[in-house]
Amino acid sequence: MTMTDTLESLKQKLQHFVDEREWAQFHSPKNLAMAMIVEAAELVEHFQWDTEADSHVLTDERREQVGQELADTFVYLLRISQVLDIDLIDAANRKIALNGLKYPVDKARGKNNKYTDYQ
């Protein structure tokens, strides 16, 4: 099974979930984007006061909680892509290619500068 097959399967499962509950009426791009940001904020709460090193160490319980927040964020991202008919795999591949131009290896390796610093 390819990653695309897995993503397609998840999209179908999500669409079925939404259809069964008749929730599509509430899934405007605005509402979905706002819900996604709320979930992303809940993810950030798990790391809010951690040091860089601490943020890498998760207990089993915390890993489960972080995983649930990641899943919530991902599901809203996937759902908004469905509503707007955006192929996330294609969009991500195009963005990685664009970022490759913005952040050339010879200038960006080991640095976290914004791309405008390389021009």
PDB file of N, CA and C in Angstrom:
ATOM      1  N   MET A   1       0.848  -1.181   0.000  1.00  0.00           N
ATOM      2  CA  MET A   1       0.000   0.000   0.000  1.00  0.00           C
ATOM      3  C   MET A   1       0.891   1.241   0.000  1.00  0.00           C
ATOM      4  N   THR A   2       0.564   2.203  -0.831  1.00  0.00           N
ATOM      5  CA  THR A   2       1.357   3.431  -0.901  1.00  0.00           C
ATOM      6  C   THR A   2       0.800   4.459   0.082  1.00  0.00           C
ATOM      7  N   MET A   3       1.577   5.506   0.310  1.00  0.00           N
ATOM      8  CA  MET A   3       1.118   6.563   1.201  1.00  0.00           C
ATOM      9  C   MET A   3      -0.161   7.200   0.652  1.00  0.00           C
ATOM     10  N   THR A   4      -0.245   7.354  -0.676  1.00  0.00           N
ATOM     11  CA  THR A   4      -1.437   7.929  -1.287  1.00  0.00           C
ATOM     12  C   THR A   4      -2.652   7.050  -1.022  1.00  0.00           C
ATOM     13  N   ASP A   5      -2.483   5.731  -1.135  1.00  0.00           N
ATOM     14  CA  ASP A   5      -3.590   4.824  -0.835  1.00  0.00           C
ATOM     15  C   ASP A   5      -4.045   4.994   0.607  1.00  0.00           C
ATOM     16  N   THR A   6      -3.110   5.122   1.510  1.00  0.00           N
ATOM     17  CA  THR A   6      -3.439   5.303   2.917  1.00  0.00           C
ATOM     18  C   THR A   6      -4.170   6.629   3.123  1.00  0.00           C
ATOM     19  N   LEU A   7      -3.695   7.673   2.504  1.00  0.00           N
ATOM     20  CA  LEU A   7      -4.343   8.970   2.619  1.00  0.00           C
ATOM     21  C   LEU A   7      -5.735   8.932   1.992  1.00  0.00           C
ATOM     22  N   GLU A   8      -5.856   8.289   0.850  1.00  0.00           N
ATOM     23  CA  GLU A   8      -7.168   8.171   0.204  1.00  0.00           C
ATOM     24  C   GLU A   8      -8.143   7.398   1.088  1.00  0.00           C
ATOM     25  N   SER A   9      -7.672   6.345   1.713  1.00  0.00           N
ATOM     26  CA  SER A   9      -8.514   5.561   2.611  1.00  0.00           C
ATOM     27  C   SER A   9      -8.987   6.413   3.787  1.00  0.00           C
ATOM     28  N   LEU A  10      -8.088   7.193   4.343  1.00  0.00           N
ATOM     29  CA  LEU A  10      -8.440   8.070   5.454  1.00  0.00           C
ATOM     30  C   LEU A  10      -9.439   9.138   5.011  1.00  0.00           C
ATOM     31  N   LYS A  11      -9.239   9.687   3.823  1.00  0.00           N
ATOM     32  CA  LYS A  11     -10.178  10.685   3.303  1.00  0.00           C
ATOM     33  C   LYS A  11     -11.574  10.091   3.142  1.00  0.00           C
ATOM     34  N   GLN A  12     -11.647   8.868   2.659  1.00  0.00           N
ATOM     35  CA  GLN A  12     -12.949   8.207   2.509  1.00  0.00           C
ATOM     36  C   GLN A  12     -13.601   7.969   3.860  1.00  0.00           C
ATOM     37  N   LYS A  13     -12.823   7.523   4.826  1.00  0.00           N
ATOM     38  CA  LYS A  13     -13.340   7.288   6.176  1.00  0.00           C
ATOM     39  C   LYS A  13     -13.856   8.596   6.781  1.00  0.00           C
ATOM     40  N   LEU A  14     -13.097   9.674   6.604  1.00  0.00           N
ATOM     41  CA  LEU A  14     -13.497  10.980   7.122  1.00  0.00           C
ATOM     42  C   LEU A  14     -14.770  11.466   6.439  1.00  0.00           C
ATOM     43  N   GLN A  15     -14.854  11.310   5.127  1.00  0.00           N
ATOM     44  CA  GLN A  15     -16.051  11.734   4.398  1.00  0.00           C
ATOM     45  C   GLN A  15     -17.273  10.953   4.881  1.00  0.00           C
ATOM     46  N   HIS A  16     -17.117   9.667   5.086  1.00  0.00           N
ATOM     47  CA  HIS A  16     -18.207   8.831   5.586  1.00  0.00           C
ATOM     48  C   HIS A  16     -18.642   9.297   6.978  1.00  0.00           C
ATOM     49  N   PHE A  17     -17.687   9.580   7.833  1.00  0.00           N
ATOM     50  CA  PHE A  17     -17.961  10.067   9.188  1.00  0.00           C
ATOM     51  C   PHE A  17     -18.782  11.357   9.140  1.00  0.00           C
ATOM     52  N   VAL A  18     -18.353  12.294   8.293  1.00  0.00           N
ATOM     53  CA  VAL A  18     -19.050  13.578   8.153  1.00  0.00           C
ATOM     54  C   VAL A  18     -20.448  13.376   7.567  1.00  0.00           C
ATOM     55  N   ASP A  19     -20.542  12.558   6.529  1.00  0.00           N
ATOM     56  CA  ASP A  19     -21.831  12.317   5.873  1.00  0.00           C
ATOM     57  C   ASP A  19     -22.843  11.692   6.824  1.00  0.00           C
ATOM     58  N   GLU A  20     -22.409  10.720   7.608  1.00  0.00           N
ATOM     59  CA  GLU A  20     -23.326  10.062   8.542  1.00  0.00           C
ATOM     60  C   GLU A  20     -23.932  11.040   9.540  1.00  0.00           C
ATOM     61  N   ARG A  21     -23.189  12.053   9.903  1.00  0.00           N
ATOM     62  CA  ARG A  21     -23.626  13.025  10.902  1.00  0.00           C
ATOM     63  C   ARG A  21     -24.234  14.288  10.295  1.00  0.00           C
ATOM     64  N   GLU A  22     -24.224  14.353   8.967  1.00  0.00           N
ATOM     65  CA  GLU A  22     -24.708  15.529   8.237  1.00  0.00           C
ATOM     66  C   GLU A  22     -24.022  16.811   8.718  1.00  0.00           C
ATOM     67  N   TRP A  23     -22.701  16.722   8.824  1.00  0.00           N
ATOM     68  CA  TRP A  23     -21.912  17.850   9.310  1.00  0.00           C
ATOM     69  C   TRP A  23     -21.341  18.723   8.205  1.00  0.00           C
ATOM     70  N   ALA A  24     -21.451  18.310   6.953  1.00  0.00           N
ATOM     71  CA  ALA A  24     -20.859  19.095   5.868  1.00  0.00           C
ATOM     72  C   ALA A  24     -21.387  20.530   5.869  1.00  0.00           C
ATOM     73  N   GLN A  25     -22.621  20.692   6.297  1.00  0.00           N
ATOM     74  CA  GLN A  25     -23.224  22.031   6.342  1.00  0.00           C
ATOM     75  C   GLN A  25     -22.459  22.994   7.261  1.00  0.00           C
ATOM     76  N   PHE A  26     -21.697  22.453   8.193  1.00  0.00           N
ATOM     77  CA  PHE A  26     -20.949  23.285   9.135  1.00  0.00           C
ATOM     78  C   PHE A  26     -19.481  23.442   8.730  1.00  0.00           C
ATOM     79  N   HIS A  27     -19.075  22.744   7.675  1.00  0.00           N
ATOM     80  CA  HIS A  27     -17.664  22.679   7.318  1.00  0.00           C
ATOM     81  C   HIS A  27     -17.282  23.681   6.235  1.00  0.00           C
ATOM     82  N   SER A  28     -17.446  24.947   6.551  1.00  0.00           N
ATOM     83  CA  SER A  28     -16.942  25.982   5.646  1.00  0.00           C
ATOM     84  C   SER A  28     -15.427  26.046   5.813  1.00  0.00           C
ATOM     85  N   PRO A  29     -14.716  26.515   4.794  1.00  0.00           N
ATOM     86  CA  PRO A  29     -13.269  26.662   4.958  1.00  0.00           C
ATOM     87  C   PRO A  29     -12.911  27.506   6.183  1.00  0.00           C
ATOM     88  N   LYS A  30     -13.659  28.558   6.434  1.00  0.00           N
ATOM     89  CA  LYS A  30     -13.402  29.410   7.605  1.00  0.00           C
ATOM     90  C   LYS A  30     -13.527  28.624   8.892  1.00  0.00           C
ATOM     91  N   ASN A  31     -14.622  27.899   9.050  1.00  0.00           N
ATOM     92  CA  ASN A  31     -14.835  27.136  10.284  1.00  0.00           C
ATOM     93  C   ASN A  31     -13.777  26.055  10.467  1.00  0.00           C
ATOM     94  N   LEU A  32     -13.442  25.368   9.396  1.00  0.00           N
ATOM     95  CA  LEU A  32     -12.443  24.309   9.489  1.00  0.00           C
ATOM     96  C   LEU A  32     -11.061  24.864   9.801  1.00  0.00           C
ATOM     97  N   ALA A  33     -10.705  25.987   9.191  1.00  0.00           N
ATOM     98  CA  ALA A  33      -9.408  26.604   9.467  1.00  0.00           C
ATOM     99  C   ALA A  33      -9.322  27.042  10.924  1.00  0.00           C
ATOM    100  N   MET A  34     -10.405  27.628  11.422  1.00  0.00           N
ATOM    101  CA  MET A  34     -10.419  28.058  12.823  1.00  0.00           C
ATOM    102  C   MET A  34     -10.318  26.852  13.761  1.00  0.00           C
ATOM    103  N   ALA A  35     -11.056  25.786  13.469  1.00  0.00           N
ATOM    104  CA  ALA A  35     -11.008  24.588  14.304  1.00  0.00           C
ATOM    105  C   ALA A  35      -9.605  23.977  14.291  1.00  0.00           C
ATOM    106  N   MET A  36      -8.961  23.986  13.130  1.00  0.00           N
ATOM    107  CA  MET A  36      -7.614  23.435  13.018  1.00  0.00           C
ATOM    108  C   MET A  36      -6.636  24.219  13.892  1.00  0.00           C
ATOM    109  N   ILE A  37      -6.759  25.535  13.893  1.00  0.00           N
ATOM    110  CA  ILE A  37      -5.870  26.369  14.700  1.00  0.00           C
ATOM    111  C   ILE A  37      -6.103  26.142  16.187  1.00  0.00           C
ATOM    112  N   VAL A  38      -7.357  25.964  16.589  1.00  0.00           N
ATOM    113  CA  VAL A  38      -7.665  25.664  17.991  1.00  0.00           C
ATOM    114  C   VAL A  38      -6.973  24.368  18.400  1.00  0.00           C
ATOM    115  N   GLU A  39      -7.056  23.351  17.556  1.00  0.00           N
ATOM    116  CA  GLU A  39      -6.414  22.077  17.866  1.00  0.00           C
ATOM    117  C   GLU A  39      -4.896  22.227  17.886  1.00  0.00           C
ATOM    118  N   ALA A  40      -4.349  23.003  16.986  1.00  0.00           N
ATOM    119  CA  ALA A  40      -2.903  23.241  16.977  1.00  0.00           C
ATOM    120  C   ALA A  40      -2.480  23.951  18.268  1.00  0.00           C
ATOM    121  N   ALA A  41      -3.304  24.856  18.748  1.00  0.00           N
ATOM    122  CA  ALA A  41      -3.006  25.538  20.016  1.00  0.00           C
ATOM    123  C   ALA A  41      -3.030  24.548  21.175  1.00  0.00           C
ATOM    124  N   GLU A  42      -3.955  23.601  21.140  1.00  0.00           N
ATOM    125  CA  GLU A  42      -3.991  22.575  22.181  1.00  0.00           C
ATOM    126  C   GLU A  42      -2.737  21.709  22.131  1.00  0.00           C
ATOM    127  N   LEU A  43      -2.199  21.481  20.950  1.00  0.00           N
ATOM    128  CA  LEU A  43      -0.936  20.764  20.809  1.00  0.00           C
ATOM    129  C   LEU A  43       0.201  21.562  21.449  1.00  0.00           C
ATOM    130  N   VAL A  44       0.241  22.846  21.174  1.00  0.00           N
ATOM    131  CA  VAL A  44       1.291  23.714  21.704  1.00  0.00           C
ATOM    132  C   VAL A  44       1.279  23.717  23.235  1.00  0.00           C
ATOM    133  N   GLU A  45       0.092  23.625  23.830  1.00  0.00           N
ATOM    134  CA  GLU A  45      -0.008  23.620  25.295  1.00  0.00           C
ATOM    135  C   GLU A  45       0.830  22.505  25.922  1.00  0.00           C
ATOM    136  N   HIS A  46       0.966  21.385  25.240  1.00  0.00           N
ATOM    137  CA  HIS A  46       1.732  20.269  25.800  1.00  0.00           C
ATOM    138  C   HIS A  46       3.219  20.585  25.906  1.00  0.00           C
ATOM    139  N   PHE A  47       3.686  21.569  25.170  1.00  0.00           N
ATOM    140  CA  PHE A  47       5.117  21.908  25.154  1.00  0.00           C
ATOM    141  C   PHE A  47       5.398  23.312  25.679  1.00  0.00           C
ATOM    142  N   GLN A  48       4.373  24.011  26.092  1.00  0.00           N
ATOM    143  CA  GLN A  48       4.467  25.437  26.409  1.00  0.00           C
ATOM    144  C   GLN A  48       5.624  25.786  27.338  1.00  0.00           C
ATOM    145  N   TRP A  49       5.828  25.052  28.387  1.00  0.00           N
ATOM    146  CA  TRP A  49       6.854  25.412  29.369  1.00  0.00           C
ATOM    147  C   TRP A  49       8.051  24.463  29.344  1.00  0.00           C
ATOM    148  N   ASP A  50       8.113  23.612  28.351  1.00  0.00           N
ATOM    149  CA  ASP A  50       9.239  22.683  28.231  1.00  0.00           C
ATOM    150  C   ASP A  50      10.491  23.393  27.738  1.00  0.00           C
ATOM    151  N   THR A  51      11.629  22.842  28.126  1.00  0.00           N
ATOM    152  CA  THR A  51      12.877  23.253  27.483  1.00  0.00           C
ATOM    153  C   THR A  51      12.935  22.537  26.136  1.00  0.00           C
ATOM    154  N   GLU A  52      13.879  22.913  25.305  1.00  0.00           N
ATOM    155  CA  GLU A  52      14.061  22.218  24.024  1.00  0.00           C
ATOM    156  C   GLU A  52      14.270  20.725  24.274  1.00  0.00           C
ATOM    157  N   ALA A  53      15.126  20.406  25.226  1.00  0.00           N
ATOM    158  CA  ALA A  53      15.423  19.000  25.515  1.00  0.00           C
ATOM    159  C   ALA A  53      14.189  18.271  26.041  1.00  0.00           C
ATOM    160  N   ASP A  54      13.460  18.895  26.960  1.00  0.00           N
ATOM    161  CA  ASP A  54      12.271  18.262  27.540  1.00  0.00           C
ATOM    162  C   ASP A  54      11.211  17.969  26.489  1.00  0.00           C
ATOM    163  N   SER A  55      11.133  18.802  25.468  1.00  0.00           N
ATOM    164  CA  SER A  55      10.094  18.631  24.454  1.00  0.00           C
ATOM    165  C   SER A  55      10.280  17.333  23.651  1.00  0.00           C
ATOM    166  N   HIS A  56      11.459  16.741  23.729  1.00  0.00           N
ATOM    167  CA  HIS A  56      11.733  15.483  23.015  1.00  0.00           C
ATOM    168  C   HIS A  56      11.356  14.245  23.832  1.00  0.00           C
ATOM    169  N   VAL A  57      11.123  14.429  25.126  1.00  0.00           N
ATOM    170  CA  VAL A  57      10.891  13.302  26.018  1.00  0.00           C
ATOM    171  C   VAL A  57       9.412  13.264  26.400  1.00  0.00           C
ATOM    172  N   LEU A  58       8.733  12.199  25.986  1.00  0.00           N
ATOM    173  CA  LEU A  58       7.310  12.060  26.280  1.00  0.00           C
ATOM    174  C   LEU A  58       7.053  10.769  27.041  1.00  0.00           C
ATOM    175  N   THR A  59       6.293  10.872  28.120  1.00  0.00           N
ATOM    176  CA  THR A  59       5.813   9.664  28.772  1.00  0.00           C
ATOM    177  C   THR A  59       4.799   9.015  27.847  1.00  0.00           C
ATOM    178  N   ASP A  60       4.432   7.792  28.114  1.00  0.00           N
ATOM    179  CA  ASP A  60       3.424   7.119  27.289  1.00  0.00           C
ATOM    180  C   ASP A  60       2.111   7.894  27.295  1.00  0.00           C
ATOM    181  N   GLU A  61       1.722   8.376  28.473  1.00  0.00           N
ATOM    182  CA  GLU A  61       0.463   9.124  28.583  1.00  0.00           C
ATOM    183  C   GLU A  61       0.531  10.426  27.781  1.00  0.00           C
ATOM    184  N   ARG A  62       1.623  11.129  27.925  1.00  0.00           N
ATOM    185  CA  ARG A  62       1.773  12.396  27.204  1.00  0.00           C
ATOM    186  C   ARG A  62       1.858  12.160  25.698  1.00  0.00           C
ATOM    187  N   ARG A  63       2.541  11.085  25.290  1.00  0.00           N
ATOM    188  CA  ARG A  63       2.637  10.747  23.867  1.00  0.00           C
ATOM    189  C   ARG A  63       1.234  10.517  23.294  1.00  0.00           C
ATOM    190  N   GLU A  64       0.391   9.842  24.049  1.00  0.00           N
ATOM    191  CA  GLU A  64      -0.994   9.607  23.621  1.00  0.00           C
ATOM    192  C   GLU A  64      -1.745  10.932  23.474  1.00  0.00           C
ATOM    193  N   GLN A  65      -1.598  11.813  24.442  1.00  0.00           N
ATOM    194  CA  GLN A  65      -2.279  13.110  24.396  1.00  0.00           C
ATOM    195  C   GLN A  65      -1.788  13.955  23.226  1.00  0.00           C
ATOM    196  N   VAL A  66      -0.482  13.998  23.033  1.00  0.00           N
ATOM    197  CA  VAL A  66       0.089  14.748  21.907  1.00  0.00           C
ATOM    198  C   VAL A  66      -0.378  14.135  20.589  1.00  0.00           C
ATOM    199  N   GLY A  67      -0.406  12.820  20.524  1.00  0.00           N
ATOM    200  CA  GLY A  67      -0.888  12.140  19.323  1.00  0.00           C
ATOM    201  C   GLY A  67      -2.326  12.493  19.005  1.00  0.00           C
ATOM    202  N   GLN A  68      -3.156  12.605  20.027  1.00  0.00           N
ATOM    203  CA  GLN A  68      -4.555  12.974  19.799  1.00  0.00           C
ATOM    204  C   GLN A  68      -4.670  14.401  19.269  1.00  0.00           C
ATOM    205  N   GLU A  69      -3.868  15.310  19.786  1.00  0.00           N
ATOM    206  CA  GLU A  69      -3.910  16.691  19.293  1.00  0.00           C
ATOM    207  C   GLU A  69      -3.367  16.772  17.866  1.00  0.00           C
ATOM    208  N   LEU A  70      -2.321  16.016  17.571  1.00  0.00           N
ATOM    209  CA  LEU A  70      -1.821  15.961  16.197  1.00  0.00           C
ATOM    210  C   LEU A  70      -2.890  15.404  15.262  1.00  0.00           C
ATOM    211  N   ALA A  71      -3.573  14.350  15.711  1.00  0.00           N
ATOM    212  CA  ALA A  71      -4.626  13.752  14.893  1.00  0.00           C
ATOM    213  C   ALA A  71      -5.763  14.740  14.659  1.00  0.00           C
ATOM    214  N   ASP A  72      -6.175  15.447  15.698  1.00  0.00           N
ATOM    215  CA  ASP A  72      -7.242  16.445  15.534  1.00  0.00           C
ATOM    216  C   ASP A  72      -6.847  17.493  14.501  1.00  0.00           C
ATOM    217  N   THR A  73      -5.623  17.993  14.612  1.00  0.00           N
ATOM    218  CA  THR A  73      -5.135  19.008  13.677  1.00  0.00           C
ATOM    219  C   THR A  73      -5.085  18.443  12.256  1.00  0.00           C
ATOM    220  N   PHE A  74      -4.591  17.221  12.132  1.00  0.00           N
ATOM    221  CA  PHE A  74      -4.475  16.575  10.826  1.00  0.00           C
ATOM    222  C   PHE A  74      -5.843  16.333  10.195  1.00  0.00           C
ATOM    223  N   VAL A  75      -6.800  15.894  10.990  1.00  0.00           N
ATOM    224  CA  VAL A  75      -8.145  15.633  10.460  1.00  0.00           C
ATOM    225  C   VAL A  75      -8.775  16.921   9.941  1.00  0.00           C
ATOM    226  N   TYR A  76      -8.631  18.012  10.674  1.00  0.00           N
ATOM    227  CA  TYR A  76      -9.170  19.281  10.174  1.00  0.00           C
ATOM    228  C   TYR A  76      -8.434  19.738   8.914  1.00  0.00           C
ATOM    229  N   LEU A  77      -7.131  19.544   8.860  1.00  0.00           N
ATOM    230  CA  LEU A  77      -6.372  19.871   7.651  1.00  0.00           C
ATOM    231  C   LEU A  77      -6.858  19.041   6.472  1.00  0.00           C
ATOM    232  N   LEU A  78      -7.032  17.757   6.706  1.00  0.00           N
ATOM    233  CA  LEU A  78      -7.517  16.869   5.651  1.00  0.00           C
ATOM    234  C   LEU A  78      -8.920  17.270   5.209  1.00  0.00           C
ATOM    235  N   ARG A  79      -9.759  17.608   6.164  1.00  0.00           N
ATOM    236  CA  ARG A  79     -11.140  17.970   5.839  1.00  0.00           C
ATOM    237  C   ARG A  79     -11.199  19.265   5.024  1.00  0.00           C
ATOM    238  N   ILE A  80     -10.413  20.263   5.407  1.00  0.00           N
ATOM    239  CA  ILE A  80     -10.432  21.516   4.641  1.00  0.00           C
ATOM    240  C   ILE A  80      -9.903  21.271   3.228  1.00  0.00           C
ATOM    241  N   SER A  81      -8.946  20.369   3.082  1.00  0.00           N
ATOM    242  CA  SER A  81      -8.453  20.051   1.732  1.00  0.00           C
ATOM    243  C   SER A  81      -9.541  19.379   0.909  1.00  0.00           C
ATOM    244  N   GLN A  82     -10.390  18.570   1.549  1.00  0.00           N
ATOM    245  CA  GLN A  82     -11.514  17.951   0.843  1.00  0.00           C
ATOM    246  C   GLN A  82     -12.511  19.013   0.390  1.00  0.00           C
ATOM    247  N   VAL A  83     -12.865  19.896   1.300  1.00  0.00           N
ATOM    248  CA  VAL A  83     -13.863  20.924   1.000  1.00  0.00           C
ATOM    249  C   VAL A  83     -13.398  21.832  -0.135  1.00  0.00           C
ATOM    250  N   LEU A  84     -12.112  22.137  -0.159  1.00  0.00           N
ATOM    251  CA  LEU A  84     -11.561  23.037  -1.174  1.00  0.00           C
ATOM    252  C   LEU A  84     -10.991  22.298  -2.385  1.00  0.00           C
ATOM    253  N   ASP A  85     -11.080  20.972  -2.377  1.00  0.00           N
ATOM    254  CA  ASP A  85     -10.573  20.138  -3.468  1.00  0.00           C
ATOM    255  C   ASP A  85      -9.104  20.441  -3.760  1.00  0.00           C
ATOM    256  N   ILE A  86      -8.292  20.379  -2.708  1.00  0.00           N
ATOM    257  CA  ILE A  86      -6.851  20.578  -2.823  1.00  0.00           C
ATOM    258  C   ILE A  86      -6.171  19.255  -2.515  1.00  0.00           C
ATOM    259  N   ASP A  87      -5.347  18.798  -3.429  1.00  0.00           N
ATOM    260  CA  ASP A  87      -4.579  17.574  -3.252  1.00  0.00           C
ATOM    261  C   ASP A  87      -3.389  17.893  -2.356  1.00  0.00           C
ATOM    262  N   LEU A  88      -3.437  17.431  -1.112  1.00  0.00           N
ATOM    263  CA  LEU A  88      -2.381  17.765  -0.153  1.00  0.00           C
ATOM    264  C   LEU A  88      -1.019  17.216  -0.550  1.00  0.00           C
ATOM    265  N   ILE A  89      -0.980  16.028  -1.114  1.00  0.00           N
ATOM    266  CA  ILE A  89       0.298  15.452  -1.527  1.00  0.00           C
ATOM    267  C   ILE A  89       0.922  16.304  -2.630  1.00  0.00           C
ATOM    268  N   ASP A  90       0.126  16.684  -3.610  1.00  0.00           N
ATOM    269  CA  ASP A  90       0.622  17.529  -4.692  1.00  0.00           C
ATOM    270  C   ASP A  90       1.038  18.898  -4.159  1.00  0.00           C
ATOM    271  N   ALA A  91       0.208  19.489  -3.292  1.00  0.00           N
ATOM    272  CA  ALA A  91       0.523  20.803  -2.729  1.00  0.00           C
ATOM    273  C   ALA A  91       1.814  20.745  -1.911  1.00  0.00           C
ATOM    274  N   ALA A  92       1.981  19.689  -1.123  1.00  0.00           N
ATOM    275  CA  ALA A  92       3.192  19.554  -0.310  1.00  0.00           C
ATOM    276  C   ALA A  92       4.424  19.365  -1.190  1.00  0.00           C
ATOM    277  N   ASN A  93       4.313  18.549  -2.225  1.00  0.00           N
ATOM    278  CA  ASN A  93       5.450  18.358  -3.134  1.00  0.00           C
ATOM    279  C   ASN A  93       5.837  19.658  -3.826  1.00  0.00           C
ATOM    280  N   ARG A  94       4.837  20.417  -4.256  1.00  0.00           N
ATOM    281  CA  ARG A  94       5.132  21.703  -4.906  1.00  0.00           C
ATOM    282  C   ARG A  94       5.772  22.677  -3.915  1.00  0.00           C
ATOM    283  N   LYS A  95       5.300  22.660  -2.662  1.00  0.00           N
ATOM    284  CA  LYS A  95       5.845  23.566  -1.649  1.00  0.00           C
ATOM    285  C   LYS A  95       7.285  23.204  -1.297  1.00  0.00           C
ATOM    286  N   ILE A  96       7.570  21.901  -1.205  1.00  0.00           N
ATOM    287  CA  ILE A  96       8.944  21.477  -0.929  1.00  0.00           C
ATOM    288  C   ILE A  96       9.871  21.921  -2.056  1.00  0.00           C
ATOM    289  N   ALA A  97       9.422  21.787  -3.296  1.00  0.00           N
ATOM    290  CA  ALA A  97      10.226  22.240  -4.438  1.00  0.00           C
ATOM    291  C   ALA A  97      10.455  23.748  -4.379  1.00  0.00           C
ATOM    292  N   LEU A  98       9.411  24.501  -4.062  1.00  0.00           N
ATOM    293  CA  LEU A  98       9.528  25.952  -3.936  1.00  0.00           C
ATOM    294  C   LEU A  98      10.499  26.320  -2.809  1.00  0.00           C
ATOM    295  N   ASN A  99      10.368  25.632  -1.663  1.00  0.00           N
ATOM    296  CA  ASN A  99      11.275  25.906  -0.553  1.00  0.00           C
ATOM    297  C   ASN A  99      12.714  25.549  -0.904  1.00  0.00           C
ATOM    298  N   GLY A 100      12.892  24.558  -1.761  1.00  0.00           N
ATOM    299  CA  GLY A 100      14.239  24.220  -2.219  1.00  0.00           C
ATOM    300  C   GLY A 100      14.877  25.370  -2.975  1.00  0.00           C
ATOM    301  N   LEU A 101      14.066  26.111  -3.717  1.00  0.00           N
ATOM    302  CA  LEU A 101      14.573  27.293  -4.425  1.00  0.00           C
ATOM    303  C   LEU A 101      14.826  28.443  -3.459  1.00  0.00           C
ATOM    304  N   LYS A 102      13.959  28.600  -2.488  1.00  0.00           N
ATOM    305  CA  LYS A 102      14.102  29.686  -1.507  1.00  0.00           C
ATOM    306  C   LYS A 102      15.279  29.457  -0.566  1.00  0.00           C
ATOM    307  N   TYR A 103      15.524  28.182  -0.250  1.00  0.00           N
ATOM    308  CA  TYR A 103      16.554  27.823   0.719  1.00  0.00           C
ATOM    309  C   TYR A 103      17.589  26.895   0.073  1.00  0.00           C
ATOM    310  N   PRO A 104      18.447  27.427  -0.787  1.00  0.00           N
ATOM    311  CA  PRO A 104      19.454  26.578  -1.436  1.00  0.00           C
ATOM    312  C   PRO A 104      20.385  25.957  -0.382  1.00  0.00           C
ATOM    313  N   VAL A 105      20.707  24.704  -0.604  1.00  0.00           N
ATOM    314  CA  VAL A 105      21.507  23.942   0.365  1.00  0.00           C
ATOM    315  C   VAL A 105      22.800  24.667   0.703  1.00  0.00           C
ATOM    316  N   ASP A 106      23.479  25.178  -0.305  1.00  0.00           N
ATOM    317  CA  ASP A 106      24.780  25.803  -0.062  1.00  0.00           C
ATOM    318  C   ASP A 106      24.687  27.057   0.796  1.00  0.00           C
ATOM    319  N   LYS A 107      23.518  27.672   0.866  1.00  0.00           N
ATOM    320  CA  LYS A 107      23.358  28.876   1.682  1.00  0.00           C
ATOM    321  C   LYS A 107      22.612  28.613   2.990  1.00  0.00           C
ATOM    322  N   ALA A 108      21.764  27.604   3.004  1.00  0.00           N
ATOM    323  CA  ALA A 108      20.883  27.400   4.150  1.00  0.00           C
ATOM    324  C   ALA A 108      21.324  26.290   5.101  1.00  0.00           C
ATOM    325  N   ARG A 109      22.217  25.437   4.697  1.00  0.00           N
ATOM    326  CA  ARG A 109      22.613  24.297   5.533  1.00  0.00           C
ATOM    327  C   ARG A 109      23.058  24.754   6.916  1.00  0.00           C
ATOM    328  N   GLY A 110      22.383  24.205   7.933  1.00  0.00           N
ATOM    329  CA  GLY A 110      22.751  24.492   9.320  1.00  0.00           C
ATOM    330  C   GLY A 110      22.327  25.855   9.824  1.00  0.00           C
ATOM    331  N   LYS A 111      21.525  26.570   9.054  1.00  0.00           N
ATOM    332  CA  LYS A 111      21.089  27.920   9.444  1.00  0.00           C
ATOM    333  C   LYS A 111      19.564  27.962   9.493  1.00  0.00           C
ATOM    334  N   ASN A 112      19.025  28.852  10.288  1.00  0.00           N
ATOM    335  CA  ASN A 112      17.566  28.990  10.357  1.00  0.00           C
ATOM    336  C   ASN A 112      17.100  30.384   9.915  1.00  0.00           C
ATOM    337  N   ASN A 113      17.908  31.032   9.104  1.00  0.00           N
ATOM    338  CA  ASN A 113      17.556  32.357   8.605  1.00  0.00           C
ATOM    339  C   ASN A 113      16.338  32.263   7.678  1.00  0.00           C
ATOM    340  N   LYS A 114      15.624  33.375   7.576  1.00  0.00           N
ATOM    341  CA  LYS A 114      14.528  33.453   6.606  1.00  0.00           C
ATOM    342  C   LYS A 114      15.120  33.529   5.194  1.00  0.00           C
ATOM    343  N   TYR A 115      14.380  33.025   4.225  1.00  0.00           N
ATOM    344  CA  TYR A 115      14.886  32.942   2.858  1.00  0.00           C
ATOM    345  C   TYR A 115      15.303  34.295   2.297  1.00  0.00           C
ATOM    346  N   THR A 116      14.706  35.386   2.758  1.00  0.00           N
ATOM    347  CA  THR A 116      15.073  36.711   2.246  1.00  0.00           C
ATOM    348  C   THR A 116      16.518  37.068   2.593  1.00  0.00           C
ATOM    349  N   ASP A 117      17.093  36.410   3.599  1.00  0.00           N
ATOM    350  CA  ASP A 117      18.495  36.658   3.955  1.00  0.00           C
ATOM    351  C   ASP A 117      19.457  36.050   2.935  1.00  0.00           C
ATOM    352  N   TYR A 118      18.963  35.154   2.080  1.00  0.00           N
ATOM    353  CA  TYR A 118      19.824  34.457   1.120  1.00  0.00           C
ATOM    354  C   TYR A 118      19.801  35.114  -0.254  1.00  0.00           C
ATOM    355  N   GLN A 119      19.040  36.148  -0.414  1.00  0.00           N
ATOM    356  CA  GLN A 119      18.913  36.748  -1.757  1.00  0.00           C
ATOM    357  C   GLN A 119      19.836  37.915  -1.929  1.00  0.00           C
TER     358      GLN A 119
END
